[in-house]
PDB file of N, CA and C in Angstrom:
ATOM      1  N   MET A   1       0.838  -1.181   0.000  1.00  0.00           N
ATOM      2  CA  MET A   1       0.000   0.000   0.000  1.00  0.00           C
ATOM      3  C   MET A   1       0.880   1.240   0.000  1.00  0.00           C
ATOM      4  N   ASP A   2       0.656   2.129  -0.977  1.00  0.00           N
ATOM      5  CA  ASP A   2       1.453   3.338  -1.104  1.00  0.00           C
ATOM      6  C   ASP A   2       0.752   4.473  -0.368  1.00  0.00           C
ATOM      7  N   THR A   3       1.360   4.969   0.687  1.00  0.00           N
ATOM      8  CA  THR A   3       0.762   6.054   1.476  1.00  0.00           C
ATOM      9  C   THR A   3       1.441   7.390   1.202  1.00  0.00           C
ATOM     10  N   SER A   4       2.328   7.424   0.219  1.00  0.00           N
ATOM     11  CA  SER A   4       3.011   8.682  -0.082  1.00  0.00           C
ATOM     12  C   SER A   4       2.044   9.649  -0.758  1.00  0.00           C
ATOM     13  N   THR A   5       2.326  10.907  -0.582  1.00  0.00           N
ATOM     14  CA  THR A   5       1.482  11.919  -1.202  1.00  0.00           C
ATOM     15  C   THR A   5       1.821  11.997  -2.676  1.00  0.00           C
ATOM     16  N   PRO A   6       0.828  12.274  -3.509  1.00  0.00           N
ATOM     17  CA  PRO A   6       1.098  12.364  -4.941  1.00  0.00           C
ATOM     18  C   PRO A   6       2.036  13.538  -5.226  1.00  0.00           C
ATOM     19  N   LYS A   7       2.949  13.329  -6.165  1.00  0.00           N
ATOM     20  CA  LYS A   7       3.900  14.377  -6.523  1.00  0.00           C
ATOM     21  C   LYS A   7       3.257  15.311  -7.541  1.00  0.00           C
ATOM     22  N   LYS A   8       3.542  16.589  -7.377  1.00  0.00           N
ATOM     23  CA  LYS A   8       3.037  17.568  -8.320  1.00  0.00           C
ATOM     24  C   LYS A   8       3.873  17.501  -9.583  1.00  0.00           C
ATOM     25  N   SER A   9       3.196  17.554 -10.717  1.00  0.00           N
ATOM     26  CA  SER A   9       3.942  17.570 -11.975  1.00  0.00           C
ATOM     27  C   SER A   9       4.489  18.983 -12.181  1.00  0.00           C
ATOM     28  N   ILE A  10       5.712  19.048 -12.635  1.00  0.00           N
ATOM     29  CA  ILE A  10       6.362  20.327 -12.864  1.00  0.00           C
ATOM     30  C   ILE A  10       6.507  20.517 -14.365  1.00  0.00           C
ATOM     31  N   GLU A  11       5.968  21.612 -14.839  1.00  0.00           N
ATOM     32  CA  GLU A  11       6.083  21.940 -16.251  1.00  0.00           C
ATOM     33  C   GLU A  11       7.311  22.828 -16.415  1.00  0.00           C
ATOM     34  N   ALA A  12       8.141  22.523 -17.402  1.00  0.00           N
ATOM     35  CA  ALA A  12       9.359  23.291 -17.629  1.00  0.00           C
ATOM     36  C   ALA A  12       9.431  23.751 -19.078  1.00  0.00           C
ATOM     37  N   PHE A  13      10.174  24.825 -19.278  1.00  0.00           N
ATOM     38  CA  PHE A  13      10.402  25.377 -20.608  1.00  0.00           C
ATOM     39  C   PHE A  13      11.820  25.923 -20.648  1.00  0.00           C
ATOM     40  N   HIS A  14      12.644  25.364 -21.528  1.00  0.00           N
ATOM     41  CA  HIS A  14      14.053  25.764 -21.657  1.00  0.00           C
ATOM     42  C   HIS A  14      14.775  25.720 -20.311  1.00  0.00           C
ATOM     43  N   GLY A  15      14.447  24.738 -19.502  1.00  0.00           N
ATOM     44  CA  GLY A  15      15.106  24.567 -18.216  1.00  0.00           C
ATOM     45  C   GLY A  15      14.529  25.397 -17.084  1.00  0.00           C
ATOM     46  N   PHE A  16      13.503  26.191 -17.349  1.00  0.00           N
ATOM     47  CA  PHE A  16      12.865  27.007 -16.328  1.00  0.00           C
ATOM     48  C   PHE A  16      11.532  26.392 -15.928  1.00  0.00           C
ATOM     49  N   GLU A  17      11.246  26.427 -14.647  1.00  0.00           N
ATOM     50  CA  GLU A  17       9.957  25.925 -14.168  1.00  0.00           C
ATOM     51  C   GLU A  17       8.878  26.955 -14.483  1.00  0.00           C
ATOM     52  N   ILE A  18       7.783  26.472 -15.062  1.00  0.00           N
ATOM     53  CA  ILE A  18       6.648  27.337 -15.371  1.00  0.00           C
ATOM     54  C   ILE A  18       5.776  27.419 -14.122  1.00  0.00           C
ATOM     55  N   PRO A  19       5.622  28.624 -13.571  1.00  0.00           N
ATOM     56  CA  PRO A  19       4.800  28.737 -12.356  1.00  0.00           C
ATOM     57  C   PRO A  19       3.335  28.411 -12.646  1.00  0.00           C
ATOM     58  N   LYS A  20       2.701  27.802 -11.673  1.00  0.00           N
ATOM     59  CA  LYS A  20       1.279  27.474 -11.797  1.00  0.00           C
ATOM     60  C   LYS A  20       0.473  28.518 -11.023  1.00  0.00           C
ATOM     61  N   GLU A  21      -0.555  29.023 -11.679  1.00  0.00           N
ATOM     62  CA  GLU A  21      -1.399  30.026 -11.035  1.00  0.00           C
ATOM     63  C   GLU A  21      -2.159  29.377  -9.882  1.00  0.00           C
ATOM     64  N   PRO A  22      -2.180  30.055  -8.736  1.00  0.00           N
ATOM     65  CA  PRO A  22      -2.889  29.464  -7.597  1.00  0.00           C
ATOM     66  C   PRO A  22      -4.399  29.416  -7.839  1.00  0.00           C
ATOM     67  N   THR A  23      -5.022  28.449  -7.234  1.00  0.00           N
ATOM     68  CA  THR A  23      -6.468  28.277  -7.346  1.00  0.00           C
ATOM     69  C   THR A  23      -7.154  29.091  -6.261  1.00  0.00           C
ATOM     70  N   PRO A  24      -8.151  29.876  -6.624  1.00  0.00           N
ATOM     71  CA  PRO A  24      -8.856  30.646  -5.594  1.00  0.00           C
ATOM     72  C   PRO A  24      -9.566  29.722  -4.617  1.00  0.00           C
ATOM     73  N   PRO A  25      -9.746  30.182  -3.393  1.00  0.00           N
ATOM     74  CA  PRO A  25     -10.447  29.347  -2.413  1.00  0.00           C
ATOM     75  C   PRO A  25     -11.881  29.063  -2.861  1.00  0.00           C
ATOM     76  N   ALA A  26     -12.362  27.890  -2.514  1.00  0.00           N
ATOM     77  CA  ALA A  26     -13.759  27.539  -2.797  1.00  0.00           C
ATOM     78  C   ALA A  26     -14.663  28.361  -1.883  1.00  0.00           C
ATOM     79  N   ASP A  27     -15.905  28.492  -2.285  1.00  0.00           N
ATOM     80  CA  ASP A  27     -16.853  29.294  -1.505  1.00  0.00           C
ATOM     81  C   ASP A  27     -16.976  28.832  -0.063  1.00  0.00           C
ATOM     82  N   ASP A  28     -16.834  27.525   0.161  1.00  0.00           N
ATOM     83  CA  ASP A  28     -17.022  26.995   1.513  1.00  0.00           C
ATOM     84  C   ASP A  28     -15.735  26.976   2.340  1.00  0.00           C
ATOM     85  N   GLU A  29     -14.626  27.474   1.776  1.00  0.00           N
ATOM     86  CA  GLU A  29     -13.369  27.454   2.513  1.00  0.00           C
ATOM     87  C   GLU A  29     -13.221  28.615   3.492  1.00  0.00           C
ATOM     88  N   CYS A  30     -13.929  29.694   3.271  1.00  0.00           N
ATOM     89  CA  CYS A  30     -13.856  30.830   4.186  1.00  0.00           C
ATOM     90  C   CYS A  30     -15.000  30.721   5.192  1.00  0.00           C
ATOM     91  N   CYS A  31     -14.641  30.821   6.467  1.00  0.00           N
ATOM     92  CA  CYS A  31     -15.646  30.664   7.523  1.00  0.00           C
ATOM     93  C   CYS A  31     -16.336  31.977   7.872  1.00  0.00           C
ATOM     94  N   MET A  32     -15.875  33.075   7.261  1.00  0.00           N
ATOM     95  CA  MET A  32     -16.448  34.403   7.505  1.00  0.00           C
ATOM     96  C   MET A  32     -16.381  34.803   8.980  1.00  0.00           C
ATOM     97  N   SER A  33     -15.348  34.326   9.668  1.00  0.00           N
ATOM     98  CA  SER A  33     -15.183  34.644  11.091  1.00  0.00           C
ATOM     99  C   SER A  33     -14.142  35.724  11.331  1.00  0.00           C
ATOM    100  N   ASN A  34     -13.718  36.372  10.259  1.00  0.00           N
ATOM    101  CA  ASN A  34     -12.725  37.424  10.367  1.00  0.00           C
ATOM    102  C   ASN A  34     -11.418  36.903  10.980  1.00  0.00           C
ATOM    103  N   CYS A  35     -10.977  35.764  10.492  1.00  0.00           N
ATOM    104  CA  CYS A  35      -9.749  35.135  10.985  1.00  0.00           C
ATOM    105  C   CYS A  35      -8.550  36.046  10.756  1.00  0.00           C
ATOM    106  N   ALA A  36      -7.550  35.916  11.603  1.00  0.00           N
ATOM    107  CA  ALA A  36      -6.319  36.694  11.458  1.00  0.00           C
ATOM    108  C   ALA A  36      -5.628  36.347  10.139  1.00  0.00           C
ATOM    109  N   VAL A  37      -5.678  35.085   9.783  1.00  0.00           N
ATOM    110  CA  VAL A  37      -5.113  34.629   8.508  1.00  0.00           C
ATOM    111  C   VAL A  37      -6.233  33.926   7.744  1.00  0.00           C
ATOM    112  N   CYS A  38      -6.838  34.679   6.848  1.00  0.00           N
ATOM    113  CA  CYS A  38      -7.960  34.158   6.065  1.00  0.00           C
ATOM    114  C   CYS A  38      -7.440  33.437   4.825  1.00  0.00           C
ATOM    115  N   VAL A  39      -8.225  32.484   4.331  1.00  0.00           N
ATOM    116  CA  VAL A  39      -7.821  31.775   3.117  1.00  0.00           C
ATOM    117  C   VAL A  39      -7.692  32.742   1.937  1.00  0.00           C
ATOM    118  N   TYR A  40      -8.455  33.815   1.953  1.00  0.00           N
ATOM    119  CA  TYR A  40      -8.356  34.804   0.884  1.00  0.00           C
ATOM    120  C   TYR A  40      -7.055  35.605   0.985  1.00  0.00           C
ATOM    121  N   ASP A  41      -6.598  35.855   2.202  1.00  0.00           N
ATOM    122  CA  ASP A  41      -5.296  36.507   2.394  1.00  0.00           C
ATOM    123  C   ASP A  41      -4.182  35.606   1.865  1.00  0.00           C
ATOM    124  N   LEU A  42      -4.272  34.322   2.178  1.00  0.00           N
ATOM    125  CA  LEU A  42      -3.271  33.364   1.696  1.00  0.00           C
ATOM    126  C   LEU A  42      -3.295  33.275   0.180  1.00  0.00           C
ATOM    127  N   TYR A  43      -4.483  33.304  -0.387  1.00  0.00           N
ATOM    128  CA  TYR A  43      -4.623  33.266  -1.836  1.00  0.00           C
ATOM    129  C   TYR A  43      -3.983  34.505  -2.466  1.00  0.00           C
ATOM    130  N   GLU A  44      -4.234  35.685  -1.900  1.00  0.00           N
ATOM    131  CA  GLU A  44      -3.650  36.921  -2.432  1.00  0.00           C
ATOM    132  C   GLU A  44      -2.126  36.876  -2.375  1.00  0.00           C
ATOM    133  N   GLU A  45      -1.579  36.344  -1.286  1.00  0.00           N
ATOM    134  CA  GLU A  45      -0.121  36.202  -1.168  1.00  0.00           C
ATOM    135  C   GLU A  45       0.411  35.250  -2.237  1.00  0.00           C
ATOM    136  N   ALA A  46      -0.288  34.141  -2.429  1.00  0.00           N
ATOM    137  CA  ALA A  46       0.127  33.168  -3.444  1.00  0.00           C
ATOM    138  C   ALA A  46       0.033  33.774  -4.840  1.00  0.00           C
ATOM    139  N   LEU A  47      -0.983  34.589  -5.068  1.00  0.00           N
ATOM    140  CA  LEU A  47      -1.157  35.247  -6.362  1.00  0.00           C
ATOM    141  C   LEU A  47      -0.027  36.254  -6.605  1.00  0.00           C
ATOM    142  N   ASP A  48       0.352  36.998  -5.571  1.00  0.00           N
ATOM    143  CA  ASP A  48       1.478  37.937  -5.690  1.00  0.00           C
ATOM    144  C   ASP A  48       2.768  37.185  -6.011  1.00  0.00           C
ATOM    145  N   ASP A  49       3.007  36.064  -5.330  1.00  0.00           N
ATOM    146  CA  ASP A  49       4.195  35.247  -5.592  1.00  0.00           C
ATOM    147  C   ASP A  49       4.184  34.713  -7.027  1.00  0.00           C
ATOM    148  N   TYR A  50       3.019  34.289  -7.479  1.00  0.00           N
ATOM    149  CA  TYR A  50       2.873  33.784  -8.842  1.00  0.00           C
ATOM    150  C   TYR A  50       3.220  34.870  -9.855  1.00  0.00           C
ATOM    151  N   ARG A  51       2.656  36.063  -9.649  1.00  0.00           N
ATOM    152  CA  ARG A  51       2.926  37.175 -10.572  1.00  0.00           C
ATOM    153  C   ARG A  51       4.416  37.525 -10.589  1.00  0.00           C
ATOM    154  N   ASP A  52       5.046  37.528  -9.418  1.00  0.00           N
ATOM    155  CA  ASP A  52       6.492  37.787  -9.345  1.00  0.00           C
ATOM    156  C   ASP A  52       7.275  36.718 -10.101  1.00  0.00           C
ATOM    157  N   SER A  53       6.873  35.463  -9.946  1.00  0.00           N
ATOM    158  CA  SER A  53       7.547  34.356 -10.632  1.00  0.00           C
ATOM    159  C   SER A  53       7.418  34.488 -12.142  1.00  0.00           C
ATOM    160  N   VAL A  54       6.234  34.865 -12.611  1.00  0.00           N
ATOM    161  CA  VAL A  54       6.012  35.035 -14.048  1.00  0.00           C
ATOM    162  C   VAL A  54       6.863  36.194 -14.567  1.00  0.00           C
ATOM    163  N   THR A  55       6.914  37.287 -13.821  1.00  0.00           N
ATOM    164  CA  THR A  55       7.731  38.435 -14.219  1.00  0.00           C
ATOM    165  C   THR A  55       9.198  38.049 -14.317  1.00  0.00           C
ATOM    166  N   ASN A  56       9.689  37.313 -13.325  1.00  0.00           N
ATOM    167  CA  ASN A  56      11.088  36.865 -13.333  1.00  0.00           C
ATOM    168  C   ASN A  56      11.359  35.911 -14.489  1.00  0.00           C
ATOM    169  N   LEU A  57      10.409  35.028 -14.769  1.00  0.00           N
ATOM    170  CA  LEU A  57      10.570  34.089 -15.875  1.00  0.00           C
ATOM    171  C   LEU A  57      10.601  34.826 -17.202  1.00  0.00           C
ATOM    172  N   ARG A  58       9.713  35.800 -17.374  1.00  0.00           N
ATOM    173  CA  ARG A  58       9.708  36.589 -18.605  1.00  0.00           C
ATOM    174  C   ARG A  58      11.064  37.277 -18.814  1.00  0.00           C
ATOM    175  N   ALA A  59      11.606  37.828 -17.733  1.00  0.00           N
ATOM    176  CA  ALA A  59      12.905  38.498 -17.827  1.00  0.00           C
ATOM    177  C   ALA A  59      14.003  37.509 -18.206  1.00  0.00           C
ATOM    178  N   ALA A  60      13.973  36.325 -17.614  1.00  0.00           N
ATOM    179  CA  ALA A  60      14.995  35.313 -17.901  1.00  0.00           C
ATOM    180  C   ALA A  60      14.897  34.823 -19.344  1.00  0.00           C
ATOM    181  N   LEU A  61      13.673  34.617 -19.827  1.00  0.00           N
ATOM    182  CA  LEU A  61      13.502  34.163 -21.209  1.00  0.00           C
ATOM    183  C   LEU A  61      13.905  35.251 -22.199  1.00  0.00           C
ATOM    184  N   SER A  62      13.586  36.487 -21.866  1.00  0.00           N
ATOM    185  CA  SER A  62      13.988  37.605 -22.725  1.00  0.00           C
ATOM    186  C   SER A  62      15.506  37.734 -22.760  1.00  0.00           C
ATOM    187  N   ALA A  63      16.143  37.552 -21.604  1.00  0.00           N
ATOM    188  CA  ALA A  63      17.603  37.641 -21.530  1.00  0.00           C
ATOM    189  C   ALA A  63      18.271  36.574 -22.395  1.00  0.00           C
ATOM    190  N   ARG A  64      17.594  35.467 -22.581  1.00  0.00           N
ATOM    191  CA  ARG A  64      18.135  34.392 -23.432  1.00  0.00           C
ATOM    192  C   ARG A  64      17.714  34.556 -24.889  1.00  0.00           C
ATOM    193  N   ASN A  65      17.068  35.676 -25.187  1.00  0.00           N
ATOM    194  CA  ASN A  65      16.619  35.984 -26.551  1.00  0.00           C
ATOM    195  C   ASN A  65      15.667  34.933 -27.114  1.00  0.00           C
ATOM    196  N   ILE A  66      14.821  34.386 -26.255  1.00  0.00           N
ATOM    197  CA  ILE A  66      13.792  33.446 -26.691  1.00  0.00           C
ATOM    198  C   ILE A  66      12.561  34.280 -27.034  1.00  0.00           C
ATOM    199  N   LEU A  67      12.091  34.152 -28.254  1.00  0.00           N
ATOM    200  CA  LEU A  67      10.958  34.945 -28.707  1.00  0.00           C
ATOM    201  C   LEU A  67       9.711  34.663 -27.876  1.00  0.00           C
ATOM    202  N   GLU A  68       8.985  35.726 -27.565  1.00  0.00           N
ATOM    203  CA  GLU A  68       7.789  35.578 -26.726  1.00  0.00           C
ATOM    204  C   GLU A  68       6.748  34.677 -27.362  1.00  0.00           C
ATOM    205  N   LYS A  69       6.671  34.659 -28.686  1.00  0.00           N
ATOM    206  CA  LYS A  69       5.672  33.801 -29.343  1.00  0.00           C
ATOM    207  C   LYS A  69       5.964  32.324 -29.108  1.00  0.00           C
ATOM    208  N   GLU A  70       7.178  31.986 -28.683  1.00  0.00           N
ATOM    209  CA  GLU A  70       7.539  30.602 -28.381  1.00  0.00           C
ATOM    210  C   GLU A  70       7.257  30.236 -26.920  1.00  0.00           C
ATOM    211  N   TRP A  71       7.057  31.238 -26.077  1.00  0.00           N
ATOM    212  CA  TRP A  71       6.825  30.995 -24.654  1.00  0.00           C
ATOM    213  C   TRP A  71       5.497  30.275 -24.446  1.00  0.00           C
ATOM    214  N   PRO A  72       5.367  29.561 -23.326  1.00  0.00           N
ATOM    215  CA  PRO A  72       4.056  28.992 -22.985  1.00  0.00           C
ATOM    216  C   PRO A  72       3.028  30.122 -22.858  1.00  0.00           C
ATOM    217  N   LYS A  73       1.813  29.853 -23.253  1.00  0.00           N
ATOM    218  CA  LYS A  73       0.780  30.893 -23.226  1.00  0.00           C
ATOM    219  C   LYS A  73       0.573  31.501 -21.848  1.00  0.00           C
ATOM    220  N   SER A  74       0.749  30.711 -20.813  1.00  0.00           N
ATOM    221  CA  SER A  74       0.526  31.218 -19.459  1.00  0.00           C
ATOM    222  C   SER A  74       1.571  32.237 -19.041  1.00  0.00           C
ATOM    223  N   VAL A  75       2.662  32.352 -19.800  1.00  0.00           N
ATOM    224  CA  VAL A  75       3.763  33.249 -19.444  1.00  0.00           C
ATOM    225  C   VAL A  75       3.801  34.489 -20.334  1.00  0.00           C
ATOM    226  N   ARG A  76       3.178  34.410 -21.498  1.00  0.00           N
ATOM    227  CA  ARG A  76       3.212  35.532 -22.434  1.00  0.00           C
ATOM    228  C   ARG A  76       2.548  36.760 -21.833  1.00  0.00           C
ATOM    229  N   SER A  77       2.973  37.921 -22.319  1.00  0.00           N
ATOM    230  CA  SER A  77       2.369  39.176 -21.869  1.00  0.00           C
ATOM    231  C   SER A  77       0.917  39.213 -22.319  1.00  0.00           C
ATOM    232  N   PRO A  78       0.046  39.635 -21.432  1.00  0.00           N
ATOM    233  CA  PRO A  78      -1.371  39.663 -21.815  1.00  0.00           C
ATOM    234  C   PRO A  78      -1.650  40.801 -22.797  1.00  0.00           C
ATOM    235  N   ILE A  79      -2.531  40.534 -23.737  1.00  0.00           N
ATOM    236  CA  ILE A  79      -2.990  41.563 -24.671  1.00  0.00           C
ATOM    237  C   ILE A  79      -4.453  41.787 -24.341  1.00  0.00           C
ATOM    238  N   THR A  80      -4.743  42.945 -23.839  1.00  0.00           N
ATOM    239  CA  THR A  80      -6.116  43.232 -23.441  1.00  0.00           C
ATOM    240  C   THR A  80      -6.834  43.918 -24.582  1.00  0.00           C
ATOM    241  N   ILE A  81      -7.852  43.257 -25.080  1.00  0.00           N
ATOM    242  CA  ILE A  81      -8.644  43.774 -26.186  1.00  0.00           C
ATOM    243  C   ILE A  81      -9.869  44.469 -25.601  1.00  0.00           C
ATOM    244  N   GLY A  82     -10.197  45.598 -26.178  1.00  0.00           N
ATOM    245  CA  GLY A  82     -11.358  46.334 -25.700  1.00  0.00           C
ATOM    246  C   GLY A  82     -11.001  47.365 -24.656  1.00  0.00           C
ATOM    247  N   SER A  83      -9.730  47.565 -24.400  1.00  0.00           N
ATOM    248  CA  SER A  83      -9.316  48.585 -23.449  1.00  0.00           C
ATOM    249  C   SER A  83      -8.433  49.585 -24.165  1.00  0.00           C
ATOM    250  N   GLY A  84      -7.806  50.454 -23.416  1.00  0.00           N
ATOM    251  CA  GLY A  84      -6.913  51.446 -23.985  1.00  0.00           C
ATOM    252  C   GLY A  84      -5.734  50.815 -24.698  1.00  0.00           C
ATOM    253  N   ASP A  85      -5.346  49.613 -24.301  1.00  0.00           N
ATOM    254  CA  ASP A  85      -4.208  48.946 -24.936  1.00  0.00           C
ATOM    255  C   ASP A  85      -4.505  48.637 -26.402  1.00  0.00           C
ATOM    256  N   ARG A  86      -5.737  48.330 -26.710  1.00  0.00           N
ATOM    257  CA  ARG A  86      -6.101  48.030 -28.104  1.00  0.00           C
ATOM    258  C   ARG A  86      -5.921  49.267 -28.955  1.00  0.00           C
ATOM    259  N   LYS A  87      -6.330  50.407 -28.426  1.00  0.00           N
ATOM    260  CA  LYS A  87      -6.181  51.663 -29.157  1.00  0.00           C
ATOM    261  C   LYS A  87      -4.701  51.927 -29.414  1.00  0.00           C
ATOM    262  N   GLY A  88      -3.869  51.685 -28.418  1.00  0.00           N
ATOM    263  CA  GLY A  88      -2.433  51.874 -28.582  1.00  0.00           C
ATOM    264  C   GLY A  88      -1.855  50.942 -29.623  1.00  0.00           C
ATOM    265  N   ALA A  89      -2.317  49.713 -29.641  1.00  0.00           N
ATOM    266  CA  ALA A  89      -1.831  48.740 -30.627  1.00  0.00           C
ATOM    267  C   ALA A  89      -2.238  49.151 -32.031  1.00  0.00           C
ATOM    268  N   VAL A  90      -3.459  49.640 -32.188  1.00  0.00           N
ATOM    269  CA  VAL A  90      -3.932  50.074 -33.501  1.00  0.00           C
ATOM    270  C   VAL A  90      -3.125  51.282 -33.958  1.00  0.00           C
ATOM    271  N   LEU A  91      -2.897  52.235 -33.046  1.00  0.00           N
ATOM    272  CA  LEU A  91      -2.095  53.401 -33.403  1.00  0.00           C
ATOM    273  C   LEU A  91      -0.674  53.011 -33.763  1.00  0.00           C
ATOM    274  N   SER A  92      -0.099  52.071 -33.033  1.00  0.00           N
ATOM    275  CA  SER A  92       1.255  51.612 -33.334  1.00  0.00           C
ATOM    276  C   SER A  92       1.317  50.985 -34.717  1.00  0.00           C
ATOM    277  N   ALA A  93       0.332  50.179 -35.049  1.00  0.00           N
ATOM    278  CA  ALA A  93       0.288  49.547 -36.368  1.00  0.00           C
ATOM    279  C   ALA A  93       0.132  50.602 -37.453  1.00  0.00           C
ATOM    280  N   PHE A  94      -0.710  51.595 -37.198  1.00  0.00           N
ATOM    281  CA  PHE A  94      -0.917  52.669 -38.166  1.00  0.00           C
ATOM    282  C   PHE A  94       0.372  53.463 -38.362  1.00  0.00           C
ATOM    283  N   GLU A  95       1.046  53.792 -37.244  1.00  0.00           N
ATOM    284  CA  GLU A  95       2.302  54.542 -37.328  1.00  0.00           C
ATOM    285  C   GLU A  95       3.362  53.752 -38.095  1.00  0.00           C
ATOM    286  N   GLU A  96       3.424  52.452 -37.858  1.00  0.00           N
ATOM    287  CA  GLU A  96       4.380  51.602 -38.570  1.00  0.00           C
ATOM    288  C   GLU A  96       4.076  51.601 -40.064  1.00  0.00           C
ATOM    289  N   MET A  97       2.800  51.534 -40.426  1.00  0.00           N
ATOM    290  CA  MET A  97       2.413  51.569 -41.825  1.00  0.00           C
ATOM    291  C   MET A  97       2.804  52.912 -42.446  1.00  0.00           C
ATOM    292  N   GLU A  98       2.590  54.000 -41.715  1.00  0.00           N
ATOM    293  CA  GLU A  98       2.963  55.328 -42.207  1.00  0.00           C
ATOM    294  C   GLU A  98       4.471  55.429 -42.436  1.00  0.00           C
ATOM    295  N   ARG A  99       5.270  54.879 -41.517  1.00  0.00           N
ATOM    296  CA  ARG A  99       6.733  54.904 -41.680  1.00  0.00           C
ATOM    297  C   ARG A  99       7.153  54.094 -42.906  1.00  0.00           C
ATOM    298  N   THR A 100       6.531  52.951 -43.092  1.00  0.00           N
ATOM    299  CA  THR A 100       6.849  52.101 -44.245  1.00  0.00           C
ATOM    300  C   THR A 100       6.507  52.814 -45.550  1.00  0.00           C
ATOM    301  N   LEU A 101       5.340  53.454 -45.592  1.00  0.00           N
ATOM    302  CA  LEU A 101       4.945  54.190 -46.795  1.00  0.00           C
ATOM    303  C   LEU A 101       5.877  55.370 -47.060  1.00  0.00           C
ATOM    304  N   ALA A 102       6.289  56.070 -46.010  1.00  0.00           N
ATOM    305  CA  ALA A 102       7.205  57.207 -46.170  1.00  0.00           C
ATOM    306  C   ALA A 102       8.538  56.736 -46.755  1.00  0.00           C
ATOM    307  N   LYS A 103       9.051  55.615 -46.245  1.00  0.00           N
ATOM    308  CA  LYS A 103      10.306  55.069 -46.775  1.00  0.00           C
ATOM    309  C   LYS A 103      10.139  54.681 -48.241  1.00  0.00           C
ATOM    310  N   LYS A 104       8.995  54.076 -48.551  1.00  0.00           N
ATOM    311  CA  LYS A 104       8.729  53.655 -49.931  1.00  0.00           C
ATOM    312  C   LYS A 104       8.700  54.869 -50.860  1.00  0.00           C
ATOM    313  N   HIS A 105       8.055  55.951 -50.429  1.00  0.00           N
ATOM    314  CA  HIS A 105       7.996  57.172 -51.232  1.00  0.00           C
ATOM    315  C   HIS A 105       9.378  57.799 -51.388  1.00  0.00           C
ATOM    316  N   GLN A 106      10.162  57.796 -50.318  1.00  0.00           N
ATOM    317  CA  GLN A 106      11.522  58.340 -50.389  1.00  0.00           C
ATOM    318  C   GLN A 106      12.365  57.553 -51.382  1.00  0.00           C
ATOM    319  N   THR A 107      12.240  56.235 -51.335  1.00  0.00           N
ATOM    320  CA  THR A 107      12.989  55.379 -52.256  1.00  0.00           C
ATOM    321  C   THR A 107      12.557  55.634 -53.692  1.00  0.00           C
ATOM    322  N   ALA A 108      11.254  55.756 -53.917  1.00  0.00           N
ATOM    323  CA  ALA A 108      10.738  56.012 -55.256  1.00  0.00           C
ATOM    324  C   ALA A 108      11.201  57.366 -55.759  1.00  0.00           C
ATOM    325  N   GLU A 109      11.204  58.393 -54.920  1.00  0.00           N
ATOM    326  CA  GLU A 109      11.656  59.729 -55.308  1.00  0.00           C
ATOM    327  C   GLU A 109      13.149  59.712 -55.628  1.00  0.00           C
ATOM    328  N   ALA A 110      13.926  58.987 -54.805  1.00  0.00           N
ATOM    329  CA  ALA A 110      15.358  58.908 -55.035  1.00  0.00           C
ATOM    330  C   ALA A 110      15.658  58.195 -56.350  1.00  0.00           C
ATOM    331  N   ASN A 111      14.911  57.152 -56.647  1.00  0.00           N
ATOM    332  CA  ASN A 111      15.096  56.414 -57.908  1.00  0.00           C
ATOM    333  C   ASN A 111      14.708  57.270 -59.117  1.00  0.00           C
ATOM    334  N   SER A 112      13.614  58.034 -59.004  1.00  0.00           N
ATOM    335  CA  SER A 112      13.175  58.867 -60.129  1.00  0.00           C
ATOM    336  C   SER A 112      14.086  60.079 -60.303  1.00  0.00           C
ATOM    337  N   ALA A 113      14.675  60.586 -59.234  1.00  0.00           N
ATOM    338  CA  ALA A 113      15.598  61.710 -59.320  1.00  0.00           C
ATOM    339  C   ALA A 113      16.919  61.287 -59.957  1.00  0.00           C
ATOM    340  N   GLY A 114      17.271  60.037 -59.790  1.00  0.00           N
ATOM    341  CA  GLY A 114      18.525  59.528 -60.325  1.00  0.00           C
ATOM    342  C   GLY A 114      18.460  59.210 -61.796  1.00  0.00           C
ATOM    343  N   HIS A 115      17.274  59.204 -62.383  1.00  0.00           N
ATOM    344  CA  HIS A 115      17.128  58.845 -63.802  1.00  0.00           C
ATOM    345  C   HIS A 115      17.154  60.039 -64.665  1.00  0.00           C
TER     346      HIS A 115
END
């Protein structure tokens, strides 16, 4: 009879452990007695640790020049659609298109001036 506790599986990427997001407490886990150490306080601490771990992992992967599109989805930077970030992304894409068109026009003018 095996009485050992089950081992947690560890997910790794390029030799780095991928942090697992903590699970929020179930509705019945909080006794609503205003405990000094509530399960929600513990959850918030675990969530802060998780976020720190993800930030550190992102920095380590970036330092190794591993492209973000190759990272596990749980580690990639979030893209929030429908917020101010979307507007910024659209403006960035528009600005990039404008720069590309300006370069194209400059090249065309330089080629026509040389003829």
